[in-house]
């Protein structure tokens, strides 16, 4: 099983509980499938990586700011 760490939405300062971050938190209890995409660099091209499950999250101090740290697994479908 492939596992990923995803840091939530917000590139500077402490991350806020945005709609996107809340949706990932809700996906844990809802058992909602997340569709994952990967962007290499700053190009406008995205690669589909598959269906994902949000396993857990923490709001932690990382490099001097608070961030949402999501642990995500790729589903075998």
Protein backbone atom coordinates (compact mmCIF):
# COMPACT_ATOMS: atom_id res chain seq x y z
CA UNK A 1 0.00 0.00 0.00
CA UNK A 2 1.36 3.41 -0.95
CA UNK A 3 1.19 6.08 1.72
CA UNK A 4 1.56 9.83 1.39
CA UNK A 5 1.97 12.82 3.65
CA UNK A 6 0.03 15.86 2.46
CA UNK A 7 0.34 19.27 4.03
CA UNK A 8 -2.92 21.20 3.92
CA UNK A 9 -3.93 24.32 2.04
CA UNK A 10 -2.02 27.51 2.85
CA UNK A 11 1.54 28.35 1.82
CA UNK A 12 2.49 31.00 4.37
CA UNK A 13 1.80 31.64 8.03
CA UNK A 14 -0.25 29.27 10.13
CA UNK A 15 -2.66 27.26 8.02
CA UNK A 16 -6.34 27.96 8.55
CA UNK A 17 -9.25 25.55 8.63
CA UNK A 18 -10.24 26.26 5.03
CA UNK A 19 -13.03 24.43 3.23
CA UNK A 20 -10.45 22.18 1.54
CA UNK A 21 -8.70 21.28 4.81
CA UNK A 22 -12.08 20.67 6.49
CA UNK A 23 -13.16 18.40 3.60
CA UNK A 24 -10.09 16.21 4.14
CA UNK A 25 -10.78 16.03 7.87
CA UNK A 26 -14.42 15.10 7.19
CA UNK A 27 -13.30 12.39 4.75
CA UNK A 28 -11.85 10.45 7.69
CA UNK A 29 -15.22 9.98 9.41
CA UNK A 30 -17.26 9.85 6.19
CA UNK A 31 -14.93 7.23 4.66
CA UNK A 32 -15.11 9.42 1.56
CA UNK A 33 -12.81 8.54 -1.34
CA UNK A 34 -10.42 11.29 -2.41
CA UNK A 35 -9.18 11.45 -6.00
CA UNK A 36 -5.47 12.26 -6.02
CA UNK A 37 -3.54 14.32 -8.53
CA UNK A 38 0.16 15.20 -8.57
CA UNK A 39 1.64 18.40 -9.95
CA UNK A 40 5.33 18.47 -10.78
CA UNK A 41 6.80 21.93 -10.28
CA UNK A 42 4.68 24.92 -11.27
CA UNK A 43 3.48 23.63 -14.62
CA UNK A 44 -0.22 23.43 -15.44
CA UNK A 45 -0.07 19.67 -15.94
CA UNK A 46 -1.41 17.20 -13.39
CA UNK A 47 -1.07 13.43 -13.22
CA UNK A 48 -3.87 11.29 -11.78
CA UNK A 49 -2.43 9.04 -9.07
CA UNK A 50 -5.59 7.18 -8.05
CA UNK A 51 -8.21 6.89 -5.35
CA UNK A 52 -7.04 7.81 -1.86
CA UNK A 53 -8.20 7.46 1.72
CA UNK A 54 -7.42 10.01 4.44
CA UNK A 55 -6.27 7.95 7.42
CA UNK A 56 -5.60 10.66 10.01
CA UNK A 57 -4.40 14.20 10.47
CA UNK A 58 -2.64 16.42 12.98
CA UNK A 59 -2.30 20.18 13.32
CA UNK A 60 1.43 20.48 14.04
CA UNK A 61 4.30 22.93 14.18
CA UNK A 62 6.43 22.51 11.04
CA UNK A 63 9.22 24.91 10.08
CA UNK A 64 7.98 27.60 12.45
CA UNK A 65 4.30 27.52 11.47
CA UNK A 66 1.23 25.43 12.24
CA UNK A 67 0.14 23.13 9.41
CA UNK A 68 -2.40 20.40 8.80
CA UNK A 69 -0.47 17.16 8.21
CA UNK A 70 -2.61 14.48 6.56
CA UNK A 71 -1.65 10.81 6.31
CA UNK A 72 -3.18 9.41 3.15
CA UNK A 73 -3.18 5.91 1.63
CA UNK A 74 -3.70 4.87 -1.97
CA UNK A 75 -6.64 2.49 -2.37
CA UNK A 76 -6.13 -0.68 -4.38
CA UNK A 77 -8.86 -0.23 -6.96
